[in-house]
Amino acid sequence: MRQIAIIALLISFLGCSDKDDNDDQSGCSGLACTEQFVTITVSVKDPVGDPVALDSFAVTTIDSGKDITREVNDSEFEMMKASGTYPLFGDEHRKTYEKTTVEVNFKGFDESDQEIVSAYFKVGADCCHVYLAEGETDIVID
């Protein structure tokens, strides 16, 4: 009786899989991706080349208006303001946009919530990481 229980247990383990047979309809299974976390950034500068410190920024998809702005803590945001570099699209969106592209709008605002920069991009994701398909990430504002 004990042998039957052990055999049944082994059969159930052998029949189990961490993957559902329908998990990989995208054709990405078995692909070796790097462990790095990719983020596409925009650099906002004035005409002299000095970084522009935005008081807030937003990234939305054009087709649905969905807000995909990365949440950052205060110290991260202070570093962004000092460098004028802000996240546009990162690997946190890879699965959602895998093997597609999406048009997004980056907007930056001053302390009175007035829009001072607006730029459009086409971004996408492959099986491993996000990428920039169209758009100039170096933004110069007056």
N, C-alpha and C. Protein backbone atom coordinates (compact mmCIF):
# COMPACT_ATOMS: atom_id res chain seq x y z
N MET A 1 0.83 -1.19 0.00
CA MET A 1 0.00 0.00 0.00
C MET A 1 0.88 1.26 0.00
N ARG A 2 1.95 1.23 0.78
CA ARG A 2 2.85 2.37 0.84
C ARG A 2 3.54 2.60 -0.49
N GLN A 3 3.88 1.54 -1.21
CA GLN A 3 4.51 1.65 -2.53
C GLN A 3 3.55 2.32 -3.53
N ILE A 4 2.29 2.01 -3.45
CA ILE A 4 1.30 2.61 -4.35
C ILE A 4 1.20 4.11 -4.08
N ALA A 5 1.22 4.52 -2.82
CA ALA A 5 1.15 5.94 -2.48
C ALA A 5 2.38 6.68 -2.99
N ILE A 6 3.56 6.05 -2.86
CA ILE A 6 4.79 6.68 -3.33
C ILE A 6 4.78 6.79 -4.85
N ILE A 7 4.33 5.76 -5.54
CA ILE A 7 4.25 5.79 -7.00
C ILE A 7 3.26 6.86 -7.46
N ALA A 8 2.12 6.96 -6.79
CA ALA A 8 1.12 7.97 -7.15
C ALA A 8 1.69 9.38 -6.94
N LEU A 9 2.43 9.54 -5.86
CA LEU A 9 3.04 10.83 -5.58
C LEU A 9 4.07 11.19 -6.65
N LEU A 10 4.91 10.24 -7.04
CA LEU A 10 5.90 10.48 -8.09
C LEU A 10 5.24 10.83 -9.41
N ILE A 11 4.19 10.14 -9.76
CA ILE A 11 3.47 10.42 -11.01
C ILE A 11 2.89 11.83 -10.98
N SER A 12 2.34 12.22 -9.84
CA SER A 12 1.76 13.56 -9.77
C SER A 12 2.85 14.64 -9.89
N PHE A 13 4.04 14.40 -9.31
CA PHE A 13 5.13 15.37 -9.45
C PHE A 13 5.63 15.43 -10.88
N LEU A 14 5.74 14.28 -11.53
CA LEU A 14 6.23 14.25 -12.90
C LEU A 14 5.23 14.91 -13.85
N GLY A 15 3.98 14.86 -13.52
CA GLY A 15 2.95 15.47 -14.37
C GLY A 15 2.81 16.96 -14.15
N CYS A 16 3.43 17.48 -13.09
CA CYS A 16 3.31 18.91 -12.79
C CYS A 16 4.33 19.70 -13.57
N SER A 17 3.97 20.91 -13.86
CA SER A 17 4.87 21.83 -14.54
C SER A 17 4.61 23.22 -14.02
N ASP A 18 5.66 24.00 -13.93
CA ASP A 18 5.50 25.40 -13.52
C ASP A 18 4.84 26.23 -14.60
N LYS A 19 4.79 25.71 -15.81
CA LYS A 19 4.23 26.43 -16.93
C LYS A 19 2.95 25.79 -17.41
N ASP A 20 2.02 26.61 -17.72
CA ASP A 20 0.82 26.15 -18.40
C ASP A 20 1.19 26.02 -19.87
N ASP A 21 0.64 25.04 -20.57
CA ASP A 21 0.96 24.86 -21.98
C ASP A 21 0.62 26.09 -22.81
N ASN A 22 -0.29 26.92 -22.34
CA ASN A 22 -0.69 28.11 -23.08
C ASN A 22 0.03 29.37 -22.60
N ASP A 23 0.97 29.21 -21.65
CA ASP A 23 1.67 30.38 -21.11
C ASP A 23 2.47 31.13 -22.15
N ASP A 24 3.03 30.42 -23.11
CA ASP A 24 3.95 31.07 -24.02
C ASP A 24 3.42 31.11 -25.44
N GLN A 25 2.33 31.78 -25.62
CA GLN A 25 1.80 31.96 -26.96
C GLN A 25 2.60 32.99 -27.73
N SER A 26 3.44 33.77 -27.05
CA SER A 26 4.20 34.82 -27.70
C SER A 26 5.48 34.30 -28.35
N GLY A 27 5.87 33.07 -28.08
CA GLY A 27 7.08 32.53 -28.66
C GLY A 27 8.34 32.93 -27.94
N CYS A 28 8.24 33.33 -26.69
CA CYS A 28 9.40 33.80 -25.94
C CYS A 28 9.99 32.74 -25.02
N SER A 29 9.46 31.54 -25.00
CA SER A 29 9.96 30.55 -24.06
C SER A 29 11.38 30.12 -24.42
N GLY A 30 12.14 29.83 -23.41
CA GLY A 30 13.50 29.36 -23.60
C GLY A 30 14.49 30.44 -23.98
N LEU A 31 14.05 31.66 -24.11
CA LEU A 31 14.94 32.76 -24.47
C LEU A 31 15.72 33.20 -23.25
N ALA A 32 17.02 33.36 -23.39
CA ALA A 32 17.87 33.79 -22.29
C ALA A 32 17.97 35.32 -22.33
N CYS A 33 17.39 35.97 -21.33
CA CYS A 33 17.43 37.43 -21.24
C CYS A 33 18.44 37.85 -20.19
N THR A 34 18.97 39.05 -20.35
CA THR A 34 19.89 39.57 -19.35
C THR A 34 19.12 39.92 -18.09
N GLU A 35 19.81 40.00 -16.98
CA GLU A 35 19.20 40.32 -15.70
C GLU A 35 19.04 41.83 -15.50
N GLN A 36 19.56 42.63 -16.42
CA GLN A 36 19.48 44.08 -16.25
C GLN A 36 18.04 44.56 -16.37
N PHE A 37 17.75 45.68 -15.74
CA PHE A 37 16.44 46.32 -15.80
C PHE A 37 16.58 47.54 -16.70
N VAL A 38 15.91 47.54 -17.83
CA VAL A 38 16.05 48.61 -18.82
C VAL A 38 14.99 49.69 -18.58
N THR A 39 15.43 50.93 -18.61
CA THR A 39 14.54 52.08 -18.54
C THR A 39 14.95 53.07 -19.62
N ILE A 40 13.98 53.47 -20.43
CA ILE A 40 14.20 54.53 -21.41
C ILE A 40 13.96 55.83 -20.67
N THR A 41 14.88 56.77 -20.79
CA THR A 41 14.75 58.05 -20.08
C THR A 41 14.73 59.19 -21.09
N VAL A 42 14.18 60.31 -20.63
CA VAL A 42 14.26 61.55 -21.40
C VAL A 42 15.13 62.52 -20.61
N SER A 43 15.88 63.31 -21.34
CA SER A 43 16.75 64.32 -20.75
C SER A 43 16.18 65.68 -21.12
N VAL A 44 15.80 66.47 -20.12
CA VAL A 44 15.21 67.78 -20.36
C VAL A 44 16.24 68.84 -19.98
N LYS A 45 16.62 69.67 -20.95
CA LYS A 45 17.65 70.69 -20.73
C LYS A 45 17.17 72.03 -21.30
N ASP A 46 17.81 73.09 -20.84
CA ASP A 46 17.54 74.41 -21.40
C ASP A 46 18.46 74.61 -22.61
N PRO A 47 18.34 75.72 -23.34
CA PRO A 47 19.17 75.93 -24.54
C PRO A 47 20.68 75.94 -24.29
N VAL A 48 21.09 76.25 -23.07
CA VAL A 48 22.51 76.27 -22.73
C VAL A 48 23.02 74.86 -22.42
N GLY A 49 22.10 73.93 -22.15
CA GLY A 49 22.48 72.56 -21.83
C GLY A 49 22.37 72.22 -20.36
N ASP A 50 21.85 73.16 -19.57
CA ASP A 50 21.67 72.90 -18.14
C ASP A 50 20.40 72.07 -17.93
N PRO A 51 20.41 71.17 -16.95
CA PRO A 51 19.23 70.34 -16.69
C PRO A 51 18.04 71.18 -16.23
N VAL A 52 16.87 70.78 -16.65
CA VAL A 52 15.64 71.45 -16.23
C VAL A 52 14.99 70.61 -15.13
N ALA A 53 14.78 71.24 -13.98
CA ALA A 53 14.16 70.57 -12.84
C ALA A 53 12.65 70.72 -12.95
N LEU A 54 11.99 69.64 -13.31
CA LEU A 54 10.53 69.64 -13.37
C LEU A 54 9.97 69.44 -11.96
N ASP A 55 8.83 70.02 -11.68
CA ASP A 55 8.20 69.80 -10.38
C ASP A 55 7.32 68.56 -10.39
N SER A 56 6.91 68.15 -11.58
CA SER A 56 6.20 66.87 -11.74
C SER A 56 6.26 66.49 -13.22
N PHE A 57 5.98 65.23 -13.49
CA PHE A 57 5.94 64.76 -14.87
C PHE A 57 4.91 63.65 -14.96
N ALA A 58 4.46 63.38 -16.19
CA ALA A 58 3.48 62.32 -16.41
C ALA A 58 3.76 61.67 -17.76
N VAL A 59 3.51 60.37 -17.81
CA VAL A 59 3.62 59.63 -19.06
C VAL A 59 2.29 58.91 -19.27
N THR A 60 1.66 59.16 -20.41
CA THR A 60 0.37 58.52 -20.71
C THR A 60 0.42 57.90 -22.09
N THR A 61 -0.38 56.85 -22.28
CA THR A 61 -0.50 56.25 -23.60
C THR A 61 -1.45 57.10 -24.42
N ILE A 62 -1.18 57.23 -25.70
CA ILE A 62 -1.99 58.06 -26.58
C ILE A 62 -3.34 57.41 -26.86
N ASP A 63 -3.34 56.11 -27.13
CA ASP A 63 -4.59 55.46 -27.53
C ASP A 63 -5.63 55.41 -26.42
N SER A 64 -5.21 55.14 -25.19
CA SER A 64 -6.19 54.98 -24.11
C SER A 64 -6.12 56.06 -23.04
N GLY A 65 -5.05 56.85 -23.05
CA GLY A 65 -4.87 57.85 -22.01
C GLY A 65 -4.46 57.28 -20.67
N LYS A 66 -4.05 56.01 -20.68
CA LYS A 66 -3.64 55.34 -19.44
C LYS A 66 -2.37 55.97 -18.89
N ASP A 67 -2.37 56.26 -17.60
CA ASP A 67 -1.21 56.82 -16.93
C ASP A 67 -0.22 55.70 -16.61
N ILE A 68 0.95 55.76 -17.23
CA ILE A 68 1.97 54.74 -16.99
C ILE A 68 3.22 55.36 -16.35
N THR A 69 3.03 56.48 -15.68
CA THR A 69 4.14 57.17 -15.02
C THR A 69 4.72 56.30 -13.92
N ARG A 70 6.02 56.17 -13.91
CA ARG A 70 6.69 55.39 -12.86
C ARG A 70 6.60 56.14 -11.53
N GLU A 71 6.25 55.42 -10.50
CA GLU A 71 6.24 56.00 -9.16
C GLU A 71 7.67 56.03 -8.64
N VAL A 72 8.06 57.16 -8.11
CA VAL A 72 9.41 57.32 -7.56
C VAL A 72 9.31 57.93 -6.17
N ASN A 73 10.30 57.64 -5.35
CA ASN A 73 10.31 58.25 -4.02
C ASN A 73 10.97 59.63 -4.08
N ASP A 74 10.92 60.35 -2.98
CA ASP A 74 11.41 61.73 -2.95
C ASP A 74 12.90 61.84 -3.31
N SER A 75 13.73 60.94 -2.80
CA SER A 75 15.16 61.05 -3.10
C SER A 75 15.44 60.73 -4.56
N GLU A 76 14.73 59.77 -5.15
CA GLU A 76 14.88 59.48 -6.57
C GLU A 76 14.48 60.70 -7.41
N PHE A 77 13.36 61.33 -7.01
CA PHE A 77 12.88 62.49 -7.76
C PHE A 77 13.85 63.66 -7.66
N GLU A 78 14.47 63.84 -6.50
CA GLU A 78 15.46 64.91 -6.36
C GLU A 78 16.66 64.67 -7.27
N MET A 79 17.09 63.41 -7.42
CA MET A 79 18.19 63.09 -8.34
C MET A 79 17.77 63.35 -9.78
N MET A 80 16.53 63.03 -10.12
CA MET A 80 16.03 63.29 -11.47
C MET A 80 16.04 64.79 -11.77
N LYS A 81 15.55 65.57 -10.81
CA LYS A 81 15.51 67.01 -11.00
C LYS A 81 16.92 67.59 -11.18
N ALA A 82 17.86 67.10 -10.39
CA ALA A 82 19.24 67.60 -10.47
C ALA A 82 19.88 67.27 -11.82
N SER A 83 19.56 66.12 -12.38
CA SER A 83 20.16 65.71 -13.66
C SER A 83 19.31 66.07 -14.86
N GLY A 84 18.03 66.40 -14.63
CA GLY A 84 17.12 66.67 -15.74
C GLY A 84 16.73 65.43 -16.51
N THR A 85 16.91 64.27 -15.90
CA THR A 85 16.63 62.99 -16.55
C THR A 85 15.47 62.30 -15.86
N TYR A 86 14.46 61.92 -16.67
CA TYR A 86 13.21 61.37 -16.13
C TYR A 86 12.85 60.08 -16.85
N PRO A 87 12.25 59.12 -16.13
CA PRO A 87 11.90 57.84 -16.77
C PRO A 87 10.70 57.98 -17.71
N LEU A 88 10.83 57.37 -18.88
CA LEU A 88 9.77 57.38 -19.86
C LEU A 88 9.04 56.04 -19.89
N PHE A 89 9.79 54.96 -19.99
CA PHE A 89 9.20 53.63 -20.18
C PHE A 89 10.22 52.61 -19.74
N GLY A 90 9.81 51.68 -18.88
CA GLY A 90 10.77 50.72 -18.34
C GLY A 90 10.27 49.29 -18.40
N ASP A 91 11.14 48.40 -18.00
CA ASP A 91 10.83 46.97 -18.03
C ASP A 91 9.64 46.58 -17.17
N GLU A 92 9.18 47.47 -16.29
CA GLU A 92 7.97 47.15 -15.54
C GLU A 92 6.76 47.04 -16.48
N HIS A 93 6.90 47.57 -17.70
CA HIS A 93 5.82 47.52 -18.70
C HIS A 93 6.06 46.45 -19.77
N ARG A 94 7.15 45.72 -19.66
CA ARG A 94 7.51 44.77 -20.70
C ARG A 94 6.44 43.74 -20.97
N LYS A 95 5.92 43.12 -19.96
CA LYS A 95 4.94 42.06 -20.16
C LYS A 95 3.66 42.60 -20.80
N THR A 96 3.21 43.76 -20.36
CA THR A 96 1.98 44.35 -20.90
C THR A 96 2.11 44.67 -22.38
N TYR A 97 3.28 45.15 -22.80
CA TYR A 97 3.46 45.59 -24.19
C TYR A 97 4.37 44.68 -25.00
N GLU A 98 4.54 43.43 -24.53
CA GLU A 98 5.41 42.48 -25.21
C GLU A 98 5.00 42.29 -26.67
N LYS A 99 5.99 42.41 -27.55
CA LYS A 99 5.84 42.25 -28.99
C LYS A 99 4.86 43.24 -29.61
N THR A 100 4.73 44.41 -28.98
CA THR A 100 3.91 45.48 -29.55
C THR A 100 4.63 46.80 -29.34
N THR A 101 4.10 47.83 -29.95
CA THR A 101 4.57 49.18 -29.68
C THR A 101 3.37 50.01 -29.24
N VAL A 102 3.66 51.09 -28.54
CA VAL A 102 2.61 51.99 -28.07
C VAL A 102 3.15 53.41 -28.15
N GLU A 103 2.27 54.34 -28.52
CA GLU A 103 2.65 55.74 -28.54
C GLU A 103 2.36 56.34 -27.18
N VAL A 104 3.33 57.08 -26.66
CA VAL A 104 3.20 57.68 -25.33
C VAL A 104 3.53 59.16 -25.40
N ASN A 105 2.99 59.90 -24.44
CA ASN A 105 3.25 61.33 -24.32
C ASN A 105 3.90 61.59 -22.97
N PHE A 106 5.06 62.25 -23.00
CA PHE A 106 5.74 62.68 -21.79
C PHE A 106 5.43 64.16 -21.59
N LYS A 107 4.94 64.50 -20.42
CA LYS A 107 4.66 65.90 -20.09
C LYS A 107 5.40 66.26 -18.81
N GLY A 108 5.96 67.48 -18.79
CA GLY A 108 6.62 68.00 -17.60
C GLY A 108 5.96 69.29 -17.17
N PHE A 109 5.91 69.51 -15.84
CA PHE A 109 5.19 70.64 -15.28
C PHE A 109 6.08 71.41 -14.30
N ASP A 110 5.79 72.72 -14.20
CA ASP A 110 6.49 73.55 -13.22
C ASP A 110 5.72 73.55 -11.90
N GLU A 111 6.18 74.38 -10.95
CA GLU A 111 5.58 74.38 -9.60
C GLU A 111 4.11 74.80 -9.59
N SER A 112 3.66 75.53 -10.62
CA SER A 112 2.24 75.93 -10.68
C SER A 112 1.42 74.98 -11.55
N ASP A 113 1.96 73.79 -11.80
CA ASP A 113 1.32 72.76 -12.62
C ASP A 113 1.08 73.20 -14.06
N GLN A 114 1.84 74.17 -14.52
CA GLN A 114 1.76 74.58 -15.92
C GLN A 114 2.67 73.67 -16.74
N GLU A 115 2.14 73.17 -17.84
CA GLU A 115 2.92 72.30 -18.72
C GLU A 115 4.03 73.10 -19.38
N ILE A 116 5.27 72.62 -19.23
CA ILE A 116 6.40 73.30 -19.85
C ILE A 116 7.10 72.44 -20.90
N VAL A 117 6.74 71.17 -20.95
CA VAL A 117 7.31 70.29 -21.97
C VAL A 117 6.29 69.19 -22.29
N SER A 118 6.21 68.88 -23.58
CA SER A 118 5.37 67.78 -24.05
C SER A 118 6.06 67.15 -25.24
N ALA A 119 6.26 65.85 -25.20
CA ALA A 119 6.95 65.16 -26.29
C ALA A 119 6.31 63.78 -26.50
N TYR A 120 6.27 63.36 -27.75
CA TYR A 120 5.65 62.09 -28.11
C TYR A 120 6.71 61.09 -28.53
N PHE A 121 6.46 59.83 -28.17
CA PHE A 121 7.40 58.75 -28.47
C PHE A 121 6.62 57.50 -28.84
N LYS A 122 7.29 56.62 -29.56
CA LYS A 122 6.76 55.27 -29.77
C LYS A 122 7.74 54.34 -29.07
N VAL A 123 7.22 53.55 -28.15
CA VAL A 123 8.04 52.61 -27.39
C VAL A 123 7.43 51.22 -27.54
N GLY A 124 8.21 50.22 -27.23
CA GLY A 124 7.72 48.86 -27.34
C GLY A 124 8.50 47.93 -26.44
N ALA A 125 8.17 46.66 -26.57
CA ALA A 125 8.85 45.64 -25.77
C ALA A 125 9.01 44.38 -26.61
N ASP A 126 10.13 43.73 -26.42
CA ASP A 126 10.33 42.42 -27.03
C ASP A 126 10.19 41.38 -25.93
N CYS A 127 10.75 40.23 -26.12
CA CYS A 127 10.63 39.17 -25.12
C CYS A 127 11.43 39.45 -23.85
N CYS A 128 12.40 40.35 -23.91
CA CYS A 128 13.27 40.58 -22.77
C CYS A 128 13.19 41.98 -22.17
N HIS A 129 13.14 43.00 -23.02
CA HIS A 129 13.25 44.37 -22.53
C HIS A 129 12.41 45.33 -23.37
N VAL A 130 12.29 46.54 -22.85
CA VAL A 130 11.61 47.61 -23.59
C VAL A 130 12.61 48.30 -24.51
N TYR A 131 12.10 49.02 -25.50
CA TYR A 131 12.98 49.75 -26.42
C TYR A 131 12.27 50.99 -26.95
N LEU A 132 13.05 51.94 -27.43
CA LEU A 132 12.54 53.15 -28.06
C LEU A 132 12.43 52.89 -29.55
N ALA A 133 11.23 53.03 -30.12
CA ALA A 133 11.03 52.82 -31.54
C ALA A 133 11.11 54.14 -32.30
N GLU A 134 10.58 55.22 -31.73
CA GLU A 134 10.61 56.53 -32.38
C GLU A 134 10.63 57.63 -31.32
N GLY A 135 11.34 58.70 -31.64
CA GLY A 135 11.35 59.86 -30.76
C GLY A 135 12.75 60.25 -30.34
N GLU A 136 12.93 61.52 -30.04
CA GLU A 136 14.21 62.06 -29.61
C GLU A 136 14.16 62.28 -28.10
N THR A 137 15.00 61.56 -27.36
CA THR A 137 14.95 61.61 -25.90
C THR A 137 15.69 62.79 -25.30
N ASP A 138 16.44 63.54 -26.10
CA ASP A 138 17.08 64.77 -25.63
C ASP A 138 16.16 65.92 -25.98
N ILE A 139 15.52 66.48 -24.96
CA ILE A 139 14.54 67.53 -25.15
C ILE A 139 15.12 68.86 -24.68
N VAL A 140 15.09 69.88 -25.55
CA VAL A 140 15.58 71.20 -25.20
C VAL A 140 14.36 72.13 -25.16
N ILE A 141 14.20 72.82 -24.00
CA ILE A 141 13.09 73.76 -23.88
C ILE A 141 13.62 75.15 -23.59
N ASP A 142 12.84 76.13 -23.98
CA ASP A 142 13.23 77.53 -23.76
C ASP A 142 12.89 77.98 -22.37
